[in-house]
Amino acid sequence: MNWPLEQLATAESDTTMNRWGAERIFAVPLDVAPSGHKEMQAHLKLDSKGSTSPRIYFLDDCAE
């Protein structure tokens, strides 16, 4: 499946991370991170209606 490039965000803004950064920490397998958690800023924007903006967050681990 192809996703429109304009609906991809590889990072969150500083403002978003300052306000909701803790909500960008997700559980991962221990072989991904020994702590069992990883910050995930990359996401796909599904929609935006009023104050509801559903997103799919994922671990962009291409560099590792």
N, C-alpha and C. Protein backbone atom coordinates (compact mmCIF):
# COMPACT_ATOMS: atom_id res chain seq x y z
N MET A 1 0.84 -1.18 0.00
CA MET A 1 0.00 0.00 0.00
C MET A 1 0.88 1.24 0.00
N ASN A 2 0.54 2.19 -0.80
CA ASN A 2 1.24 3.47 -0.83
C ASN A 2 0.51 4.47 0.06
N TRP A 3 1.28 5.31 0.73
CA TRP A 3 0.72 6.34 1.60
C TRP A 3 1.12 7.69 1.05
N PRO A 4 0.19 8.67 0.97
CA PRO A 4 0.55 10.00 0.45
C PRO A 4 1.67 10.62 1.27
N LEU A 5 2.70 11.09 0.59
CA LEU A 5 3.87 11.65 1.26
C LEU A 5 3.51 12.81 2.18
N GLU A 6 2.52 13.60 1.83
CA GLU A 6 2.15 14.74 2.67
C GLU A 6 1.48 14.31 3.99
N GLN A 7 1.17 13.03 4.12
CA GLN A 7 0.59 12.53 5.36
C GLN A 7 1.61 11.77 6.22
N LEU A 8 2.87 11.86 5.85
CA LEU A 8 3.96 11.26 6.61
C LEU A 8 4.71 12.35 7.38
N ALA A 9 4.96 12.09 8.65
CA ALA A 9 5.80 12.99 9.45
C ALA A 9 6.89 12.13 10.07
N THR A 10 8.14 12.50 9.85
CA THR A 10 9.25 11.72 10.39
C THR A 10 9.61 12.13 11.81
N ALA A 11 9.07 13.26 12.27
CA ALA A 11 9.34 13.73 13.63
C ALA A 11 8.20 14.62 14.09
N GLU A 12 8.15 14.83 15.39
CA GLU A 12 7.18 15.75 15.99
C GLU A 12 7.85 17.10 16.20
N SER A 13 7.05 18.14 16.32
CA SER A 13 7.59 19.46 16.61
C SER A 13 8.06 19.52 18.06
N ASP A 14 8.91 20.49 18.36
CA ASP A 14 9.37 20.68 19.74
C ASP A 14 8.19 20.95 20.67
N THR A 15 7.23 21.74 20.19
CA THR A 15 6.04 22.05 20.99
C THR A 15 5.28 20.78 21.34
N THR A 16 5.06 19.92 20.36
CA THR A 16 4.35 18.66 20.60
C THR A 16 5.12 17.79 21.58
N MET A 17 6.43 17.67 21.39
CA MET A 17 7.22 16.83 22.29
C MET A 17 7.26 17.39 23.71
N ASN A 18 7.29 18.71 23.84
CA ASN A 18 7.28 19.32 25.18
C ASN A 18 5.97 19.06 25.90
N ARG A 19 4.87 19.06 25.16
CA ARG A 19 3.55 18.88 25.78
C ARG A 19 3.14 17.41 25.91
N TRP A 20 3.45 16.61 24.88
CA TRP A 20 2.95 15.24 24.85
C TRP A 20 4.04 14.20 24.58
N GLY A 21 5.28 14.54 24.83
CA GLY A 21 6.38 13.63 24.56
C GLY A 21 6.26 12.29 25.26
N ALA A 22 5.75 12.29 26.47
CA ALA A 22 5.59 11.03 27.21
C ALA A 22 4.61 10.09 26.53
N GLU A 23 3.70 10.65 25.75
CA GLU A 23 2.72 9.83 25.02
C GLU A 23 3.31 9.25 23.74
N ARG A 24 4.55 9.58 23.45
CA ARG A 24 5.23 9.04 22.26
C ARG A 24 6.21 7.92 22.65
N ILE A 25 6.13 7.45 23.88
CA ILE A 25 6.94 6.33 24.35
C ILE A 25 6.08 5.07 24.27
N PHE A 26 6.56 4.09 23.51
CA PHE A 26 5.78 2.87 23.28
C PHE A 26 6.57 1.63 23.68
N ALA A 27 5.84 0.60 24.04
CA ALA A 27 6.46 -0.68 24.39
C ALA A 27 6.98 -1.35 23.12
N VAL A 28 8.18 -1.93 23.24
CA VAL A 28 8.80 -2.66 22.13
C VAL A 28 9.41 -3.94 22.68
N PRO A 29 9.71 -4.91 21.82
CA PRO A 29 10.40 -6.12 22.29
C PRO A 29 11.77 -5.77 22.89
N LEU A 30 12.22 -6.57 23.83
CA LEU A 30 13.50 -6.31 24.49
C LEU A 30 14.68 -6.37 23.54
N ASP A 31 14.56 -7.11 22.42
CA ASP A 31 15.66 -7.12 21.46
C ASP A 31 15.72 -5.83 20.65
N VAL A 32 14.68 -5.02 20.72
CA VAL A 32 14.69 -3.69 20.06
C VAL A 32 15.29 -2.66 21.00
N ALA A 33 14.90 -2.71 22.28
CA ALA A 33 15.44 -1.80 23.29
C ALA A 33 15.47 -2.54 24.62
N PRO A 34 16.61 -2.59 25.29
CA PRO A 34 16.71 -3.31 26.57
C PRO A 34 15.72 -2.83 27.63
N SER A 35 15.30 -1.58 27.54
CA SER A 35 14.34 -1.05 28.51
C SER A 35 12.92 -1.51 28.23
N GLY A 36 12.68 -2.01 27.02
CA GLY A 36 11.34 -2.42 26.63
C GLY A 36 10.47 -1.27 26.13
N HIS A 37 11.09 -0.08 26.00
CA HIS A 37 10.35 1.09 25.52
C HIS A 37 11.21 1.90 24.55
N LYS A 38 10.57 2.56 23.60
CA LYS A 38 11.26 3.41 22.64
C LYS A 38 10.39 4.62 22.32
N GLU A 39 11.03 5.76 22.15
CA GLU A 39 10.31 6.95 21.70
C GLU A 39 10.06 6.83 20.20
N MET A 40 8.83 7.07 19.80
CA MET A 40 8.48 7.01 18.39
C MET A 40 7.83 8.32 17.98
N GLN A 41 8.53 9.06 17.15
CA GLN A 41 7.99 10.33 16.65
C GLN A 41 7.45 10.19 15.23
N ALA A 42 8.00 9.29 14.45
CA ALA A 42 7.54 9.13 13.07
C ALA A 42 6.10 8.61 13.07
N HIS A 43 5.27 9.17 12.21
CA HIS A 43 3.88 8.74 12.17
C HIS A 43 3.21 9.03 10.84
N LEU A 44 2.13 8.32 10.61
CA LEU A 44 1.26 8.54 9.47
C LEU A 44 0.01 9.25 9.97
N LYS A 45 -0.35 10.32 9.28
CA LYS A 45 -1.54 11.08 9.66
C LYS A 45 -2.74 10.46 8.96
N LEU A 46 -3.66 9.93 9.75
CA LEU A 46 -4.82 9.25 9.18
C LEU A 46 -5.91 10.23 8.76
N ASP A 47 -6.15 11.23 9.59
CA ASP A 47 -7.24 12.16 9.34
C ASP A 47 -7.08 13.34 10.29
N SER A 48 -7.90 14.34 10.11
CA SER A 48 -7.93 15.46 11.04
C SER A 48 -9.31 16.08 10.98
N LYS A 49 -10.06 15.90 12.06
CA LYS A 49 -11.41 16.44 12.16
C LYS A 49 -11.56 17.09 13.53
N GLY A 50 -11.61 18.40 13.54
CA GLY A 50 -11.72 19.11 14.81
C GLY A 50 -10.49 18.86 15.66
N SER A 51 -10.70 18.45 16.89
CA SER A 51 -9.57 18.20 17.79
C SER A 51 -9.10 16.75 17.74
N THR A 52 -9.73 15.93 16.90
CA THR A 52 -9.33 14.53 16.77
C THR A 52 -8.42 14.36 15.56
N SER A 53 -7.23 13.86 15.79
CA SER A 53 -6.27 13.65 14.72
C SER A 53 -5.59 12.30 14.89
N PRO A 54 -6.25 11.22 14.47
CA PRO A 54 -5.67 9.90 14.66
C PRO A 54 -4.37 9.72 13.89
N ARG A 55 -3.42 9.02 14.52
CA ARG A 55 -2.10 8.80 13.94
C ARG A 55 -1.68 7.34 14.15
N ILE A 56 -0.83 6.85 13.26
CA ILE A 56 -0.18 5.56 13.45
C ILE A 56 1.30 5.87 13.66
N TYR A 57 1.80 5.59 14.85
CA TYR A 57 3.21 5.82 15.17
C TYR A 57 4.02 4.57 14.88
N PHE A 58 5.25 4.76 14.43
CA PHE A 58 6.12 3.63 14.13
C PHE A 58 7.55 3.97 14.44
N LEU A 59 8.35 2.94 14.65
CA LEU A 59 9.77 3.13 14.94
C LEU A 59 10.53 3.21 13.64
N ASP A 60 11.09 4.35 13.37
CA ASP A 60 11.92 4.55 12.18
C ASP A 60 13.34 4.14 12.57
N ASP A 61 13.68 2.88 12.33
CA ASP A 61 14.95 2.32 12.78
C ASP A 61 15.87 2.00 11.61
N CYS A 62 15.72 2.75 10.53
CA CYS A 62 16.53 2.48 9.33
C CYS A 62 18.02 2.72 9.56
N ALA A 63 18.35 3.70 10.40
CA ALA A 63 19.76 4.01 10.64
C ALA A 63 20.45 2.96 11.49
N GLU A 64 19.70 2.21 12.28
CA GLU A 64 20.29 1.20 13.15
C GLU A 64 20.09 -0.14 12.51
